[in-house]
Amino acid sequence: MTSTATRVLVLNSGSSSVKYQLLDMADGARLAAGLVERIGEDTSRLAHTPLATGGEKRERTGRIADHDAALKAVAEELAADGLGLDSPELAAIGHRVVHGGSKFTEPTLITDEVVAEIERLIPVAPLHNPANITGIRTARALRPELPQVAVFDTAFHTTMPESAARYAIDTETADAHMVRRYGFHGTSHAYVSRKTAELLGKAPEEVNVIVLHLGNGASASAVRGGRCVDTSMGLTPLEGLVMGTRSGDLDPAVIFHLARNAGMSVDEIDSLLNKKSGLIGLCGDNDMREIRRRVDEGDERARLAFDVYVHRLKKYIGAYYAVLGTVDAVAFTAGVGENAAPVREAAVAGLEALGLAVDADLNAVRSGDARLISPASARVAVAVVPTDEELEIATQTYALVSA
């Protein structure tokens, strides 16, 4: 790598989409960003924003056959801005990989052996790892000599003790089929816990933080001294908090009950719990803004959905307070966490004995900056910290290839 190579392209490959950002790690500047969606359909769309020049967003529509064609189209858009994949200033490509199992505990330089291991983990991430692998293979074919790095959603959570990571089932069966708690949203939890410590003027090693990543997918983590000691998602992203379309925690016997009494297949139950549950199952909406509008208009189904959501959130705050023993901050992040003041207020209401409270005026402020929303006198800080998973992936990628 030359001394001028400070750019990192971050790729997040989904089953029918590719999100991307190009960042310059010399100053953290975003040079370009975009999304290719509906890959393989006649209605494919690529939206590209040249951030470096402040230019207008460009769009192209029409069939993009596969991920190979998608990444080639991305490369063309970047080249049009003088930011092509053949640039000597490109240091590496960082790939978001959802599941790294127990083996991948840190960002990893991609080799054929690493790809094979990610492929081996497909049974525990059937919706995500295949798409991540496709993106990796395509990018490696386009730039085979360029360092490419896998940054795993699960890696931050590999510091959990066995007492938190183990399910209480037969250990031989669990080990044979990789059944344990892995956790997800790890890049977000890592970034937000570190930024929260920074907001408090302390080093991550000095701070205990409960991080609440509340988007359409939602998860909580207990972070002691910069290391995750527990998180709400488990073998898959289904466990834990109530989410936009996922149930979160439920009695496992619900599955047996639906199979025996409703005649539902495994695939039907899988679809129910992942796509038709959570907020959308409770009230027909998974957008918290719409739910709050309905609550304000007196809609009882929306009120129930909101109350169930907050009840589960409050339970996890209490549980992770107990796990940590002492808590310095609770940090809200992601779409709902950063923007839904009523959720933040309701989540800590009644927890004053634990030192938690929000200042109504501070909580009402809308801002893209990390900020405290608790009263100055509060024993535990309550913070809103916008997440930046792309920057976290780029930072970890660049640190590895420039070491």
Protein backbone atom coordinates (compact mmCIF):
# COMPACT_ATOMS: atom_id res chain seq x y z
CA MET A 1 0.00 0.00 0.00
CA THR A 2 1.37 3.40 -0.95
CA SER A 3 1.42 6.31 1.47
CA THR A 4 -1.42 7.95 -0.49
CA ALA A 5 -3.71 4.94 -0.21
CA THR A 6 -6.13 6.05 2.50
CA ARG A 7 -9.51 5.30 0.93
CA VAL A 8 -11.73 2.39 1.94
CA LEU A 9 -14.79 1.19 0.02
CA VAL A 10 -17.37 -0.32 2.39
CA LEU A 11 -19.74 -2.88 0.87
CA ASN A 12 -22.88 -4.28 2.48
CA SER A 13 -24.25 -6.96 0.16
CA GLY A 14 -27.79 -8.17 0.76
CA SER A 15 -29.72 -10.85 -1.09
CA SER A 16 -30.98 -8.35 -3.68
CA SER A 17 -29.11 -5.17 -2.80
CA VAL A 18 -25.70 -3.61 -2.35
CA LYS A 19 -25.16 -0.58 -0.10
CA TYR A 20 -21.82 1.17 -0.36
CA GLN A 21 -19.78 4.09 0.90
CA LEU A 22 -16.32 5.31 -0.06
CA LEU A 23 -14.47 6.98 2.79
CA ASP A 24 -11.07 8.67 3.07
CA MET A 25 -9.55 7.54 6.34
CA ALA A 26 -7.06 10.43 6.34
CA ASP A 27 -9.88 12.59 7.67
CA GLY A 28 -12.95 10.32 7.78
CA ALA A 29 -14.56 12.18 4.88
CA ARG A 30 -17.27 10.45 2.87
CA LEU A 31 -16.49 10.69 -0.83
CA ALA A 32 -19.45 8.77 -2.26
CA ALA A 33 -22.40 6.66 -1.18
CA GLY A 34 -25.12 4.69 -2.86
CA LEU A 35 -27.49 1.79 -3.07
CA VAL A 36 -28.26 -0.81 -5.70
CA GLU A 37 -31.62 -2.44 -5.05
CA ARG A 38 -33.91 -5.04 -6.59
CA ILE A 39 -30.94 -6.84 -8.18
CA GLY A 40 -32.15 -9.48 -10.64
CA GLU A 41 -35.42 -7.70 -11.37
CA ASP A 42 -36.48 -5.59 -14.33
CA THR A 43 -37.02 -2.69 -11.92
CA SER A 44 -33.44 -2.61 -10.58
CA ARG A 45 -32.29 0.81 -9.39
CA LEU A 46 -28.90 2.32 -8.59
CA ALA A 47 -28.83 5.60 -6.64
CA HIS A 48 -25.39 7.20 -6.34
CA THR A 49 -24.43 10.39 -4.49
CA PRO A 50 -21.02 11.98 -5.20
CA LEU A 51 -20.43 13.47 -1.76
CA ALA A 52 -16.87 14.62 -2.46
CA THR A 53 -18.02 17.12 -5.07
CA GLY A 54 -21.39 17.92 -3.54
CA GLY A 55 -23.00 16.86 -6.81
CA GLU A 56 -26.57 15.83 -7.37
CA LYS A 57 -27.70 12.27 -6.74
CA ARG A 58 -27.61 10.19 -9.93
CA GLU A 59 -29.97 7.31 -10.63
CA ARG A 60 -30.08 4.57 -13.21
CA THR A 61 -32.93 2.13 -13.61
CA GLY A 62 -33.41 -1.06 -15.57
CA ARG A 63 -32.44 -4.66 -15.02
CA ILE A 64 -29.19 -5.31 -13.15
CA ALA A 65 -28.85 -9.05 -13.52
CA ASP A 66 -26.70 -10.03 -10.54
CA HIS A 67 -24.21 -8.83 -7.95
CA ASP A 68 -21.39 -8.93 -10.50
CA ALA A 69 -23.30 -6.49 -12.70
CA ALA A 70 -24.24 -4.42 -9.64
CA LEU A 71 -20.66 -3.95 -8.49
CA LYS A 72 -19.50 -3.18 -12.01
CA ALA A 73 -22.20 -0.50 -12.17
CA VAL A 74 -21.02 0.89 -8.83
CA ALA A 75 -17.45 0.94 -10.14
CA GLU A 76 -18.61 2.90 -13.21
CA GLU A 77 -20.37 5.49 -11.05
CA LEU A 78 -17.30 5.90 -8.85
CA ALA A 79 -15.06 6.18 -11.92
CA ALA A 80 -17.29 8.95 -13.29
CA ASP A 81 -16.36 10.95 -10.17
CA GLY A 82 -12.65 10.15 -10.50
CA LEU A 83 -12.92 7.64 -7.64
CA GLY A 84 -12.65 4.38 -9.58
CA LEU A 85 -11.75 1.01 -8.10
CA ASP A 86 -8.47 1.15 -10.03
CA SER A 87 -7.36 4.26 -8.11
CA PRO A 88 -3.99 3.92 -6.34
CA GLU A 89 -5.60 5.81 -3.46
CA LEU A 90 -7.92 2.88 -2.69
CA ALA A 91 -6.37 1.02 0.24
CA ALA A 92 -8.90 -1.75 0.73
CA ILE A 93 -12.48 -2.92 0.47
CA GLY A 94 -14.28 -3.63 3.75
CA HIS A 95 -17.17 -6.09 3.66
CA ARG A 96 -19.93 -6.29 6.23
CA VAL A 97 -20.44 -9.98 7.07
CA VAL A 98 -23.36 -10.76 9.35
CA HIS A 99 -22.23 -14.02 10.94
CA GLY A 100 -18.69 -14.90 11.92
CA GLY A 101 -19.56 -17.61 14.41
CA SER A 102 -17.15 -18.16 17.30
CA LYS A 103 -14.04 -18.20 15.14
CA PHE A 104 -13.94 -14.65 13.80
CA THR A 105 -13.38 -12.32 16.75
CA GLU A 106 -11.91 -9.37 14.85
CA PRO A 107 -11.69 -7.91 11.34
CA THR A 108 -10.08 -10.50 9.09
CA LEU A 109 -8.14 -10.28 5.83
CA ILE A 110 -10.14 -12.27 3.28
CA THR A 111 -8.58 -15.40 1.79
CA ASP A 112 -10.08 -18.46 0.11
CA GLU A 113 -10.01 -20.19 3.50
CA VAL A 114 -11.90 -17.33 5.15
CA VAL A 115 -14.57 -17.42 2.43
CA ALA A 116 -14.92 -21.17 2.97
CA GLU A 117 -15.42 -20.66 6.71
CA ILE A 118 -18.06 -17.96 6.13
CA GLU A 119 -19.75 -20.42 3.79
CA ARG A 120 -19.64 -23.10 6.51
CA LEU A 121 -21.64 -20.74 8.74
CA ILE A 122 -24.54 -20.45 6.27
CA PRO A 123 -26.75 -22.84 8.31
CA VAL A 124 -26.81 -20.30 11.17
CA ALA A 125 -27.20 -17.29 8.83
CA PRO A 126 -29.08 -18.57 5.76
CA LEU A 127 -30.56 -15.17 4.88
CA HIS A 128 -27.37 -13.14 5.17
CA ASN A 129 -24.08 -15.00 4.71
CA PRO A 130 -24.80 -16.21 1.14
CA ALA A 131 -25.32 -12.62 -0.02
CA ASN A 132 -22.24 -11.45 1.88
CA ILE A 133 -20.18 -14.19 0.16
CA THR A 134 -21.51 -13.18 -3.26
CA GLY A 135 -20.38 -9.60 -2.67
CA ILE A 136 -16.96 -10.74 -1.51
CA ARG A 137 -16.39 -13.02 -4.49
CA THR A 138 -17.49 -10.37 -6.96
CA ALA A 139 -15.31 -7.66 -5.42
CA ARG A 140 -12.30 -9.98 -5.29
CA ALA A 141 -12.76 -10.79 -8.97
CA LEU A 142 -12.84 -7.09 -9.82
CA ARG A 143 -9.72 -6.25 -7.76
CA PRO A 144 -7.93 -9.52 -6.94
CA GLU A 145 -4.73 -7.81 -5.80
CA LEU A 146 -6.44 -5.36 -3.43
CA PRO A 147 -6.67 -6.20 0.29
CA GLN A 148 -10.23 -7.04 1.24
CA VAL A 149 -11.40 -7.34 4.83
CA ALA A 150 -14.40 -9.01 6.44
CA VAL A 151 -15.88 -7.12 9.42
CA PHE A 152 -18.33 -9.32 11.30
CA ASP A 153 -21.56 -8.24 13.03
CA THR A 154 -20.94 -10.94 15.62
CA ALA A 155 -17.29 -10.15 16.43
CA PHE A 156 -17.88 -7.53 19.13
CA HIS A 157 -20.01 -10.01 21.06
CA THR A 158 -17.43 -12.82 21.13
CA THR A 159 -16.17 -11.44 24.46
CA MET A 160 -19.37 -12.63 26.16
CA PRO A 161 -18.63 -15.17 28.91
CA GLU A 162 -19.87 -18.70 28.37
CA SER A 163 -22.51 -18.11 31.04
CA ALA A 164 -24.10 -15.51 28.72
CA ALA A 165 -23.39 -17.24 25.40
CA ARG A 166 -24.62 -20.74 26.27
CA TYR A 167 -28.20 -21.93 25.97
CA ALA A 168 -29.22 -24.43 28.63
CA ILE A 169 -29.61 -27.37 26.25
CA ASP A 170 -27.61 -30.57 25.80
CA THR A 171 -24.05 -29.41 25.15
CA GLU A 172 -23.20 -32.14 22.62
CA THR A 173 -26.22 -31.25 20.49
CA ALA A 174 -25.48 -27.53 20.83
CA ASP A 175 -21.83 -27.92 19.85
CA ALA A 176 -22.59 -30.25 16.93
CA HIS A 177 -24.96 -27.70 15.40
CA MET A 178 -23.30 -24.42 16.48
CA VAL A 179 -26.23 -23.54 18.74
CA ARG A 180 -25.23 -20.69 21.03
CA ARG A 181 -25.83 -16.98 21.42
CA TYR A 182 -23.78 -14.92 18.96
CA GLY A 183 -25.43 -11.48 18.89
CA PHE A 184 -25.61 -9.03 15.98
CA HIS A 185 -25.35 -5.30 15.22
CA GLY A 186 -21.85 -5.63 16.68
CA THR A 187 -20.26 -2.84 14.63
CA SER A 188 -22.96 -0.46 15.87
CA HIS A 189 -22.60 -1.53 19.50
CA ALA A 190 -18.81 -1.18 19.30
CA TYR A 191 -19.01 2.28 17.75
CA VAL A 192 -21.74 3.61 20.04
CA SER A 193 -20.21 2.30 23.27
CA ARG A 194 -16.88 3.90 22.36
CA LYS A 195 -18.53 7.20 21.36
CA THR A 196 -20.55 7.23 24.58
CA ALA A 197 -17.36 6.97 26.61
CA GLU A 198 -15.93 9.82 24.54
CA LEU A 199 -19.06 11.89 25.25
CA LEU A 200 -18.46 11.35 28.97
CA GLY A 201 -14.82 12.38 28.61
CA LYS A 202 -13.55 8.94 29.58
CA ALA A 203 -11.72 6.01 28.00
CA PRO A 204 -13.89 3.02 26.96
CA GLU A 205 -12.09 0.91 29.56
CA GLU A 206 -13.44 3.19 32.30
CA VAL A 207 -17.11 3.03 31.35
CA ASN A 208 -20.01 0.59 31.65
CA VAL A 209 -22.66 1.24 29.00
CA ILE A 210 -26.03 -0.24 28.06
CA VAL A 211 -26.42 0.28 24.31
CA LEU A 212 -29.90 0.20 22.78
CA HIS A 213 -29.76 -0.16 18.99
CA LEU A 214 -33.36 0.50 18.01
CA GLY A 215 -34.07 0.30 14.31
CA ASN A 216 -36.42 -1.98 12.38
CA GLY A 217 -34.14 -4.63 13.83
CA ALA A 218 -33.34 -3.94 17.49
CA SER A 219 -30.84 -5.19 20.03
CA ALA A 220 -29.41 -4.30 23.41
CA SER A 221 -25.96 -4.91 24.80
CA ALA A 222 -24.21 -4.69 28.14
CA VAL A 223 -20.68 -3.32 27.64
CA ARG A 224 -18.24 -3.43 30.55
CA GLY A 225 -15.02 -1.50 30.05
CA GLY A 226 -15.31 -1.61 26.26
CA ARG A 227 -16.09 -5.34 26.09
CA CYS A 228 -19.50 -6.87 25.47
CA VAL A 229 -20.63 -9.13 28.31
CA ASP A 230 -24.20 -9.76 27.13
CA THR A 231 -26.47 -8.96 24.20
CA SER A 232 -30.12 -9.56 23.39
CA MET A 233 -29.91 -11.28 19.99
CA GLY A 234 -28.88 -14.91 20.01
CA LEU A 235 -28.28 -17.69 17.50
CA THR A 236 -30.14 -15.50 15.01
CA PRO A 237 -31.37 -11.87 15.00
CA LEU A 238 -34.82 -13.07 16.17
CA GLU A 239 -34.17 -13.18 19.91
CA GLY A 240 -34.51 -10.24 22.27
CA LEU A 241 -36.31 -6.94 21.89
CA VAL A 242 -39.60 -6.39 20.07
CA MET A 243 -38.69 -5.27 16.53
CA GLY A 244 -40.40 -3.93 13.45
CA THR A 245 -41.42 -7.34 12.10
CA ARG A 246 -39.70 -9.79 14.51
CA SER A 247 -41.20 -11.09 17.72
CA GLY A 248 -38.09 -11.06 19.88
CA ASP A 249 -38.27 -13.26 22.98
CA LEU A 250 -41.08 -15.79 23.24
CA ASP A 251 -41.70 -19.19 24.81
CA PRO A 252 -40.07 -21.75 22.44
CA ALA A 253 -43.14 -23.95 22.91
CA VAL A 254 -45.13 -21.43 20.86
CA ILE A 255 -43.49 -23.04 17.83
CA PHE A 256 -44.61 -26.53 18.85
CA HIS A 257 -48.09 -25.25 19.65
CA LEU A 258 -48.50 -23.64 16.23
CA ALA A 259 -47.18 -26.74 14.47
CA ARG A 260 -49.49 -29.10 16.33
CA ASN A 261 -52.63 -27.00 16.65
CA ALA A 262 -52.50 -24.60 13.71
CA GLY A 263 -50.93 -27.07 11.28
CA MET A 264 -48.22 -24.56 10.39
CA SER A 265 -45.00 -25.72 8.76
CA VAL A 266 -41.53 -24.75 9.96
CA ASP A 267 -41.23 -22.30 7.07
CA GLU A 268 -44.61 -20.74 7.86
CA ILE A 269 -43.68 -20.27 11.51
CA ASP A 270 -40.29 -18.86 10.49
CA SER A 271 -42.06 -16.33 8.27
CA LEU A 272 -44.58 -15.49 11.01
CA LEU A 273 -41.93 -14.77 13.64
CA ASN A 274 -39.49 -12.91 11.38
CA LYS A 275 -41.76 -11.04 8.97
CA LYS A 276 -45.26 -10.81 10.47
CA SER A 277 -44.62 -10.26 14.17
CA GLY A 278 -43.21 -7.49 16.35
CA LEU A 279 -44.83 -4.10 15.84
CA ILE A 280 -46.36 -5.00 12.50
CA GLY A 281 -47.95 -8.11 14.01
CA LEU A 282 -49.35 -6.18 16.93
CA CYS A 283 -50.80 -3.19 15.09
CA GLY A 284 -50.14 -3.48 11.35
CA ASP A 285 -47.41 -0.81 11.28
CA ASN A 286 -43.66 -1.12 11.82
CA ASP A 287 -42.86 2.59 11.48
CA MET A 288 -42.62 4.12 14.95
CA ARG A 289 -43.59 7.54 13.61
CA GLU A 290 -46.86 6.17 12.30
CA ILE A 291 -47.46 4.20 15.49
CA ARG A 292 -46.98 7.34 17.61
CA ARG A 293 -49.35 9.28 15.34
CA ARG A 294 -51.96 6.57 15.86
CA VAL A 295 -51.34 6.54 19.62
CA ASP A 296 -51.89 10.31 19.74
CA GLU A 297 -55.20 9.79 17.92
CA GLY A 298 -56.34 7.23 20.51
CA ASP A 299 -55.73 4.03 18.51
CA GLU A 300 -55.77 1.17 21.05
CA ARG A 301 -53.88 -1.36 18.88
CA ALA A 302 -51.08 1.15 18.34
CA ARG A 303 -51.02 1.92 22.07
CA LEU A 304 -50.70 -1.78 22.89
CA ALA A 305 -47.88 -2.21 20.36
CA PHE A 306 -46.04 0.78 21.84
CA ASP A 307 -46.52 -0.47 25.39
CA VAL A 308 -45.31 -4.00 24.55
CA TYR A 309 -42.27 -2.52 22.79
CA VAL A 310 -41.38 -0.30 25.75
CA HIS A 311 -42.07 -3.01 28.35
CA ARG A 312 -39.56 -5.33 26.69
CA LEU A 313 -37.04 -2.50 26.38
CA LYS A 314 -37.38 -1.61 30.05
CA LYS A 315 -36.90 -5.27 31.04
CA TYR A 316 -33.59 -5.40 29.17
CA ILE A 317 -32.38 -2.14 30.70
CA GLY A 318 -33.06 -3.59 34.14
CA ALA A 319 -31.50 -6.94 33.31
CA TYR A 320 -28.33 -5.41 31.92
CA TYR A 321 -28.09 -3.04 34.86
CA ALA A 322 -28.01 -6.17 37.04
CA VAL A 323 -25.43 -7.85 34.76
CA LEU A 324 -23.11 -4.84 34.87
CA GLY A 325 -23.59 -4.00 38.55
CA THR A 326 -22.79 -0.34 37.97
CA VAL A 327 -23.83 1.65 34.89
CA ASP A 328 -22.33 4.92 33.69
CA ALA A 329 -24.61 5.48 30.70
CA VAL A 330 -27.54 4.21 28.66
CA ALA A 331 -27.13 5.06 24.98
CA PHE A 332 -29.94 5.12 22.41
CA THR A 333 -29.03 4.71 18.74
CA ALA A 334 -30.31 3.77 15.25
CA GLY A 335 -33.50 5.05 13.58
CA VAL A 336 -35.93 4.76 16.47
CA GLY A 337 -33.37 5.31 19.21
CA GLU A 338 -32.04 8.49 17.61
CA ASN A 339 -35.37 10.02 16.56
CA ALA A 340 -38.23 8.79 18.77
CA ALA A 341 -38.21 10.96 21.89
CA PRO A 342 -41.37 9.26 23.30
CA VAL A 343 -39.61 5.87 23.20
CA ARG A 344 -36.60 7.20 25.10
CA GLU A 345 -38.80 8.91 27.68
CA ALA A 346 -40.99 5.85 28.23
CA ALA A 347 -38.05 3.43 28.39
CA VAL A 348 -36.51 5.10 31.45
CA ALA A 349 -39.73 6.32 33.10
CA GLY A 350 -40.02 4.88 36.60
CA LEU A 351 -36.33 3.95 36.77
CA GLU A 352 -35.33 6.97 38.86
CA ALA A 353 -34.23 4.68 41.69
CA LEU A 354 -31.59 3.33 39.29
CA GLY A 355 -30.36 6.86 38.63
CA LEU A 356 -32.05 7.11 35.22
CA ALA A 357 -34.03 10.08 33.99
CA VAL A 358 -34.39 12.26 30.90
CA ASP A 359 -34.71 16.01 30.72
CA ALA A 360 -37.86 16.73 28.70
CA ASP A 361 -36.36 19.74 26.89
CA LEU A 362 -33.09 18.00 26.03
CA ASN A 363 -34.96 14.87 24.93
CA ALA A 364 -37.12 16.91 22.55
CA VAL A 365 -34.13 18.33 20.67
CA ARG A 366 -33.57 16.85 17.21
CA SER A 367 -29.91 16.73 16.27
CA GLY A 368 -27.45 14.61 14.33
CA ASP A 369 -24.85 15.01 17.08
CA ALA A 370 -24.10 12.76 20.02
CA ARG A 371 -25.63 14.36 23.09
CA LEU A 372 -26.76 13.84 26.67
CA ILE A 373 -30.49 14.02 27.36
CA SER A 374 -30.37 13.36 31.11
CA PRO A 375 -30.45 16.08 33.78
CA ALA A 376 -27.05 17.29 34.97
CA SER A 377 -27.85 15.81 38.38
CA ALA A 378 -28.59 12.30 37.05
CA ARG A 379 -26.45 9.51 38.51
CA VAL A 380 -26.48 7.64 35.17
CA ALA A 381 -26.08 9.50 31.89
CA VAL A 382 -28.70 8.94 29.20
CA ALA A 383 -27.32 9.64 25.74
CA VAL A 384 -28.38 9.73 22.11
CA VAL A 385 -25.46 8.63 19.95
CA PRO A 386 -26.01 8.39 16.18
CA THR A 387 -24.51 5.16 14.95
CA ASP A 388 -22.12 4.97 12.00
CA GLU A 389 -21.59 1.35 11.01
CA GLU A 390 -19.95 2.26 7.70
CA LEU A 391 -17.33 4.40 9.44
CA GLU A 392 -16.75 1.63 11.98
CA ILE A 393 -16.23 -0.95 9.21
CA ALA A 394 -13.92 1.43 7.34
CA THR A 395 -11.96 2.20 10.52
CA GLN A 396 -11.46 -1.48 11.36
CA THR A 397 -10.57 -2.29 7.75
CA TYR A 398 -8.02 0.49 7.44
CA ALA A 399 -6.45 -0.30 10.81
CA LEU A 400 -5.87 -3.89 9.66
CA VAL A 401 -4.41 -3.17 6.22
CA SER A 402 -2.27 -0.26 7.36
CA ALA A 403 -0.79 -2.04 10.38
